[in-house]
PDB file of N, CA and C in Angstrom:
ATOM      1  N   MET A   1       9.944  -6.701  -6.255  1.00  0.00           N
ATOM      2  CA  MET A   1       9.071  -7.085  -5.172  1.00  0.00           C
ATOM      3  C   MET A   1       8.529  -8.472  -5.474  1.00  0.00           C
ATOM      4  N   ASP A   2       8.790  -9.383  -4.571  1.00  0.00           N
ATOM      5  CA  ASP A   2       8.324 -10.751  -4.754  1.00  0.00           C
ATOM      6  C   ASP A   2       6.940 -10.988  -4.174  1.00  0.00           C
ATOM      7  N   ASN A   3       6.616 -10.287  -3.098  1.00  0.00           N
ATOM      8  CA  ASN A   3       5.369 -10.576  -2.412  1.00  0.00           C
ATOM      9  C   ASN A   3       4.859  -9.315  -1.731  1.00  0.00           C
ATOM     10  N   ILE A   4       3.620  -8.948  -2.011  1.00  0.00           N
ATOM     11  CA  ILE A   4       2.954  -7.840  -1.324  1.00  0.00           C
ATOM     12  C   ILE A   4       1.698  -8.408  -0.689  1.00  0.00           C
ATOM     13  N   GLN A   5       1.501  -8.110   0.579  1.00  0.00           N
ATOM     14  CA  GLN A   5       0.296  -8.563   1.268  1.00  0.00           C
ATOM     15  C   GLN A   5      -0.378  -7.381   1.939  1.00  0.00           C
ATOM     16  N   ILE A   6      -1.665  -7.233   1.710  1.00  0.00           N
ATOM     17  CA  ILE A   6      -2.437  -6.239   2.444  1.00  0.00           C
ATOM     18  C   ILE A   6      -2.824  -6.876   3.767  1.00  0.00           C
ATOM     19  N   LYS A   7      -2.397  -6.243   4.862  1.00  0.00           N
ATOM     20  CA  LYS A   7      -2.610  -6.805   6.191  1.00  0.00           C
ATOM     21  C   LYS A   7      -3.880  -6.282   6.843  1.00  0.00           C
ATOM     22  N   ASN A   8      -4.243  -5.030   6.519  1.00  0.00           N
ATOM     23  CA  ASN A   8      -5.417  -4.444   7.140  1.00  0.00           C
ATOM     24  C   ASN A   8      -5.844  -3.225   6.344  1.00  0.00           C
ATOM     25  N   GLU A   9      -7.105  -2.872   6.454  1.00  0.00           N
ATOM     26  CA  GLU A   9      -7.636  -1.659   5.843  1.00  0.00           C
ATOM     27  C   GLU A   9      -8.434  -0.954   6.927  1.00  0.00           C
ATOM     28  N   ILE A  10      -7.937   0.210   7.357  1.00  0.00           N
ATOM     29  CA  ILE A  10      -8.507   0.909   8.498  1.00  0.00           C
ATOM     30  C   ILE A  10      -9.184   2.190   8.023  1.00  0.00           C
ATOM     31  N   GLN A  11     -10.480   2.266   8.211  1.00  0.00           N
ATOM     32  CA  GLN A  11     -11.237   3.440   7.802  1.00  0.00           C
ATOM     33  C   GLN A  11     -11.192   4.504   8.899  1.00  0.00           C
ATOM     34  N   ASP A  12     -11.023   5.756   8.492  1.00  0.00           N
ATOM     35  CA  ASP A  12     -11.096   6.891   9.405  1.00  0.00           C
ATOM     36  C   ASP A  12     -12.261   7.764   8.968  1.00  0.00           C
ATOM     37  N   SER A  13     -13.368   7.639   9.668  1.00  0.00           N
ATOM     38  CA  SER A  13     -14.574   8.360   9.276  1.00  0.00           C
ATOM     39  C   SER A  13     -14.460   9.859   9.521  1.00  0.00           C
ATOM     40  N   ASN A  14     -13.508  10.289  10.335  1.00  0.00           N
ATOM     41  CA  ASN A  14     -13.345  11.719  10.611  1.00  0.00           C
ATOM     42  C   ASN A  14     -12.865  12.495   9.395  1.00  0.00           C
ATOM     43  N   ASP A  15     -12.021  11.885   8.573  1.00  0.00           N
ATOM     44  CA  ASP A  15     -11.535  12.598   7.391  1.00  0.00           C
ATOM     45  C   ASP A  15     -11.740  11.817   6.091  1.00  0.00           C
ATOM     46  N   ASN A  16     -12.614  10.824   6.122  1.00  0.00           N
ATOM     47  CA  ASN A  16     -12.978  10.066   4.919  1.00  0.00           C
ATOM     48  C   ASN A  16     -11.776   9.478   4.186  1.00  0.00           C
ATOM     49  N   THR A  17     -10.871   8.897   4.944  1.00  0.00           N
ATOM     50  CA  THR A  17      -9.719   8.224   4.351  1.00  0.00           C
ATOM     51  C   THR A  17      -9.655   6.780   4.830  1.00  0.00           C
ATOM     52  N   VAL A  18      -8.861   6.001   4.125  1.00  0.00           N
ATOM     53  CA  VAL A  18      -8.606   4.607   4.502  1.00  0.00           C
ATOM     54  C   VAL A  18      -7.101   4.396   4.489  1.00  0.00           C
ATOM     55  N   ARG A  19      -6.598   3.821   5.554  1.00  0.00           N
ATOM     56  CA  ARG A  19      -5.175   3.476   5.641  1.00  0.00           C
ATOM     57  C   ARG A  19      -5.043   2.006   5.259  1.00  0.00           C
ATOM     58  N   ILE A  20      -4.276   1.734   4.217  1.00  0.00           N
ATOM     59  CA  ILE A  20      -4.006   0.364   3.792  1.00  0.00           C
ATOM     60  C   ILE A  20      -2.655  -0.041   4.371  1.00  0.00           C
ATOM     61  N   VAL A  21      -2.677  -0.993   5.290  1.00  0.00           N
ATOM     62  CA  VAL A  21      -1.457  -1.480   5.933  1.00  0.00           C
ATOM     63  C   VAL A  21      -0.983  -2.713   5.163  1.00  0.00           C
ATOM     64  N   PHE A  22       0.308  -2.754   4.852  1.00  0.00           N
ATOM     65  CA  PHE A  22       0.822  -3.818   4.002  1.00  0.00           C
ATOM     66  C   PHE A  22       2.194  -4.278   4.458  1.00  0.00           C
ATOM     67  N   SER A  23       2.606  -5.412   3.907  1.00  0.00           N
ATOM     68  CA  SER A  23       3.987  -5.888   4.048  1.00  0.00           C
ATOM     69  C   SER A  23       4.501  -6.230   2.661  1.00  0.00           C
ATOM     70  N   VAL A  24       5.806  -6.094   2.478  1.00  0.00           N
ATOM     71  CA  VAL A  24       6.438  -6.379   1.190  1.00  0.00           C
ATOM     72  C   VAL A  24       7.704  -7.191   1.435  1.00  0.00           C
ATOM     73  N   THR A  25       7.900  -8.223   0.631  1.00  0.00           N
ATOM     74  CA  THR A  25       9.141  -8.985   0.642  1.00  0.00           C
ATOM     75  C   THR A  25       9.791  -8.838  -0.734  1.00  0.00           C
ATOM     76  N   PHE A  26      11.080  -8.536  -0.729  1.00  0.00           N
ATOM     77  CA  PHE A  26      11.826  -8.362  -1.972  1.00  0.00           C
ATOM     78  C   PHE A  26      12.604  -9.631  -2.297  1.00  0.00           C
ATOM     79  N   SER A  27      13.089  -9.727  -3.523  1.00  0.00           N
ATOM     80  CA  SER A  27      13.757 -10.941  -3.987  1.00  0.00           C
ATOM     81  C   SER A  27      15.018 -11.282  -3.191  1.00  0.00           C
ATOM     82  N   ASP A  28      15.659 -10.280  -2.593  1.00  0.00           N
ATOM     83  CA  ASP A  28      16.869 -10.548  -1.815  1.00  0.00           C
ATOM     84  C   ASP A  28      16.577 -10.881  -0.355  1.00  0.00           C
ATOM     85  N   GLY A  29      15.288 -10.969  -0.004  1.00  0.00           N
ATOM     86  CA  GLY A  29      14.892 -11.302   1.355  1.00  0.00           C
ATOM     87  C   GLY A  29      14.596 -10.096   2.229  1.00  0.00           C
ATOM     88  N   THR A  30      14.894  -8.896   1.740  1.00  0.00           N
ATOM     89  CA  THR A  30      14.564  -7.680   2.481  1.00  0.00           C
ATOM     90  C   THR A  30      13.055  -7.614   2.676  1.00  0.00           C
ATOM     91  N   PHE A  31      12.646  -7.125   3.825  1.00  0.00           N
ATOM     92  CA  PHE A  31      11.238  -7.189   4.196  1.00  0.00           C
ATOM     93  C   PHE A  31      10.793  -5.864   4.807  1.00  0.00           C
ATOM     94  N   ILE A  32       9.668  -5.330   4.364  1.00  0.00           N
ATOM     95  CA  ILE A  32       9.000  -4.211   5.021  1.00  0.00           C
ATOM     96  C   ILE A  32       7.807  -4.815   5.734  1.00  0.00           C
ATOM     97  N   GLY A  33       7.827  -4.804   7.055  1.00  0.00           N
ATOM     98  CA  GLY A  33       6.805  -5.495   7.829  1.00  0.00           C
ATOM     99  C   GLY A  33       5.493  -4.750   7.948  1.00  0.00           C
ATOM    100  N   ASP A  34       5.558  -3.467   8.187  1.00  0.00           N
ATOM    101  CA  ASP A  34       4.342  -2.681   8.385  1.00  0.00           C
ATOM    102  C   ASP A  34       4.455  -1.348   7.675  1.00  0.00           C
ATOM    103  N   GLY A  35       4.121  -1.343   6.412  1.00  0.00           N
ATOM    104  CA  GLY A  35       4.038  -0.102   5.662  1.00  0.00           C
ATOM    105  C   GLY A  35       2.583   0.303   5.580  1.00  0.00           C
ATOM    106  N   ALA A  36       2.333   1.551   5.217  1.00  0.00           N
ATOM    107  CA  ALA A  36       0.954   2.003   5.080  1.00  0.00           C
ATOM    108  C   ALA A  36       0.880   3.132   4.062  1.00  0.00           C
ATOM    109  N   ILE A  37      -0.209   3.146   3.328  1.00  0.00           N
ATOM    110  CA  ILE A  37      -0.539   4.275   2.478  1.00  0.00           C
ATOM    111  C   ILE A  37      -1.943   4.716   2.852  1.00  0.00           C
ATOM    112  N   VAL A  38      -2.251   5.978   2.590  1.00  0.00           N
ATOM    113  CA  VAL A  38      -3.575   6.518   2.892  1.00  0.00           C
ATOM    114  C   VAL A  38      -4.200   6.970   1.584  1.00  0.00           C
ATOM    115  N   ILE A  39      -5.430   6.532   1.361  1.00  0.00           N
ATOM    116  CA  ILE A  39      -6.185   6.940   0.175  1.00  0.00           C
ATOM    117  C   ILE A  39      -7.544   7.440   0.627  1.00  0.00           C
ATOM    118  N   THR A  40      -8.261   8.090  -0.269  1.00  0.00           N
ATOM    119  CA  THR A  40      -9.600   8.563   0.082  1.00  0.00           C
ATOM    120  C   THR A  40     -10.556   7.385   0.177  1.00  0.00           C
ATOM    121  N   ARG A  41     -11.586   7.559   0.964  1.00  0.00           N
ATOM    122  CA  ARG A  41     -12.585   6.503   1.104  1.00  0.00           C
ATOM    123  C   ARG A  41     -13.271   6.227  -0.236  1.00  0.00           C
ATOM    124  N   ALA A  42     -13.546   7.283  -0.997  1.00  0.00           N
ATOM    125  CA  ALA A  42     -14.193   7.125  -2.305  1.00  0.00           C
ATOM    126  C   ALA A  42     -13.325   6.293  -3.244  1.00  0.00           C
ATOM    127  N   GLU A  43     -12.039   6.566  -3.253  1.00  0.00           N
ATOM    128  CA  GLU A  43     -11.105   5.800  -4.090  1.00  0.00           C
ATOM    129  C   GLU A  43     -11.089   4.339  -3.639  1.00  0.00           C
ATOM    130  N   TRP A  44     -11.046   4.125  -2.338  1.00  0.00           N
ATOM    131  CA  TRP A  44     -11.007   2.781  -1.761  1.00  0.00           C
ATOM    132  C   TRP A  44     -12.243   1.981  -2.146  1.00  0.00           C
ATOM    133  N   LEU A  45     -13.425   2.617  -2.104  1.00  0.00           N
ATOM    134  CA  LEU A  45     -14.673   1.921  -2.432  1.00  0.00           C
ATOM    135  C   LEU A  45     -14.725   1.495  -3.892  1.00  0.00           C
ATOM    136  N   ASP A  46     -14.026   2.233  -4.759  1.00  0.00           N
ATOM    137  CA  ASP A  46     -14.037   1.930  -6.194  1.00  0.00           C
ATOM    138  C   ASP A  46     -12.983   0.911  -6.607  1.00  0.00           C
ATOM    139  N   MET A  47     -12.101   0.503  -5.698  1.00  0.00           N
ATOM    140  CA  MET A  47     -10.984  -0.366  -6.056  1.00  0.00           C
ATOM    141  C   MET A  47     -11.261  -1.832  -5.750  1.00  0.00           C
ATOM    142  N   THR A  48     -10.795  -2.697  -6.645  1.00  0.00           N
ATOM    143  CA  THR A  48     -10.807  -4.132  -6.373  1.00  0.00           C
ATOM    144  C   THR A  48      -9.552  -4.458  -5.550  1.00  0.00           C
ATOM    145  N   GLY A  49      -9.476  -5.671  -5.052  1.00  0.00           N
ATOM    146  CA  GLY A  49      -8.289  -6.096  -4.315  1.00  0.00           C
ATOM    147  C   GLY A  49      -7.028  -5.994  -5.146  1.00  0.00           C
ATOM    148  N   LEU A  50      -7.121  -6.375  -6.408  1.00  0.00           N
ATOM    149  CA  LEU A  50      -5.971  -6.302  -7.305  1.00  0.00           C
ATOM    150  C   LEU A  50      -5.539  -4.855  -7.525  1.00  0.00           C
ATOM    151  N   GLN A  51      -6.496  -3.959  -7.642  1.00  0.00           N
ATOM    152  CA  GLN A  51      -6.164  -2.541  -7.816  1.00  0.00           C
ATOM    153  C   GLN A  51      -5.493  -1.971  -6.558  1.00  0.00           C
ATOM    154  N   LYS A  52      -5.932  -2.425  -5.387  1.00  0.00           N
ATOM    155  CA  LYS A  52      -5.303  -1.982  -4.134  1.00  0.00           C
ATOM    156  C   LYS A  52      -3.854  -2.451  -4.075  1.00  0.00           C
ATOM    157  N   LEU A  53      -3.601  -3.699  -4.466  1.00  0.00           N
ATOM    158  CA  LEU A  53      -2.229  -4.212  -4.511  1.00  0.00           C
ATOM    159  C   LEU A  53      -1.381  -3.403  -5.488  1.00  0.00           C
ATOM    160  N   GLY A  54      -1.968  -3.074  -6.637  1.00  0.00           N
ATOM    161  CA  GLY A  54      -1.275  -2.258  -7.628  1.00  0.00           C
ATOM    162  C   GLY A  54      -0.934  -0.879  -7.095  1.00  0.00           C
ATOM    163  N   LYS A  55      -1.851  -0.292  -6.358  1.00  0.00           N
ATOM    164  CA  LYS A  55      -1.628   1.026  -5.752  1.00  0.00           C
ATOM    165  C   LYS A  55      -0.486   0.958  -4.747  1.00  0.00           C
ATOM    166  N   VAL A  56      -0.488  -0.069  -3.906  1.00  0.00           N
ATOM    167  CA  VAL A  56       0.593  -0.252  -2.930  1.00  0.00           C
ATOM    168  C   VAL A  56       1.931  -0.438  -3.660  1.00  0.00           C
ATOM    169  N   ALA A  57       1.962  -1.291  -4.671  1.00  0.00           N
ATOM    170  CA  ALA A  57       3.194  -1.545  -5.417  1.00  0.00           C
ATOM    171  C   ALA A  57       3.722  -0.264  -6.054  1.00  0.00           C
ATOM    172  N   LYS A  58       2.842   0.536  -6.610  1.00  0.00           N
ATOM    173  CA  LYS A  58       3.255   1.793  -7.245  1.00  0.00           C
ATOM    174  C   LYS A  58       3.824   2.751  -6.206  1.00  0.00           C
ATOM    175  N   GLN A  59       3.178   2.874  -5.059  1.00  0.00           N
ATOM    176  CA  GLN A  59       3.664   3.770  -4.012  1.00  0.00           C
ATOM    177  C   GLN A  59       5.021   3.315  -3.494  1.00  0.00           C
ATOM    178  N   VAL A  60       5.191   2.015  -3.267  1.00  0.00           N
ATOM    179  CA  VAL A  60       6.472   1.492  -2.790  1.00  0.00           C
ATOM    180  C   VAL A  60       7.553   1.775  -3.832  1.00  0.00           C
ATOM    181  N   SER A  61       7.245   1.501  -5.072  1.00  0.00           N
ATOM    182  CA  SER A  61       8.209   1.712  -6.143  1.00  0.00           C
ATOM    183  C   SER A  61       8.553   3.191  -6.307  1.00  0.00           C
ATOM    184  N   ASP A  62       7.549   4.042  -6.358  1.00  0.00           N
ATOM    185  CA  ASP A  62       7.766   5.468  -6.601  1.00  0.00           C
ATOM    186  C   ASP A  62       8.415   6.181  -5.422  1.00  0.00           C
ATOM    187  N   ASN A  63       7.961   5.888  -4.209  1.00  0.00           N
ATOM    188  CA  ASN A  63       8.371   6.689  -3.058  1.00  0.00           C
ATOM    189  C   ASN A  63       9.414   6.044  -2.153  1.00  0.00           C
ATOM    190  N   MET A  64       9.431   4.737  -2.069  1.00  0.00           N
ATOM    191  CA  MET A  64      10.343   4.094  -1.135  1.00  0.00           C
ATOM    192  C   MET A  64      11.590   3.548  -1.808  1.00  0.00           C
ATOM    193  N   LEU A  65      11.496   3.167  -3.050  1.00  0.00           N
ATOM    194  CA  LEU A  65      12.646   2.562  -3.727  1.00  0.00           C
ATOM    195  C   LEU A  65      13.417   3.563  -4.576  1.00  0.00           C
ATOM    196  N   SER A  66      12.780   4.646  -4.943  1.00  0.00           N
ATOM    197  CA  SER A  66      13.429   5.636  -5.810  1.00  0.00           C
ATOM    198  C   SER A  66      14.367   6.511  -4.998  1.00  0.00           C
ATOM    199  N   THR A  67      15.618   6.553  -5.388  1.00  0.00           N
ATOM    200  CA  THR A  67      16.589   7.409  -4.705  1.00  0.00           C
ATOM    201  C   THR A  67      17.001   8.587  -5.565  1.00  0.00           C
ATOM    202  N   ILE A  68      16.609   8.573  -6.838  1.00  0.00           N
ATOM    203  CA  ILE A  68      16.935   9.665  -7.753  1.00  0.00           C
ATOM    204  C   ILE A  68      15.639  10.350  -8.148  1.00  0.00           C
ATOM    205  N   LYS A  69      15.546  11.612  -7.863  1.00  0.00           N
ATOM    206  CA  LYS A  69      14.332  12.378  -8.200  1.00  0.00           C
ATOM    207  C   LYS A  69      14.630  13.355  -9.303  1.00  0.00           C
TER     208      LYS A  69
END
C-alpha cells in the first residue's frame, strides 16, 4: 500500500459506532476509492490519526488482500 487516506469519519449515535471511510492506492496503481471500516465510538475516541490509519491498513491487509485463510 503506497497511500492510505481517511476521507471521512461518520458517527452513528444510534449504535455508538464510527464508520471510517478511506481510499487506498497500491504500488501498481490499483485503487480502492471508497472503503470503510466500522469501529466502536469508544475505540475511535481513544485513537490518534496515526492509529486510525494503522487500523485501516491492518483491516485492508487482513481482510481484503488475504486470499489464503
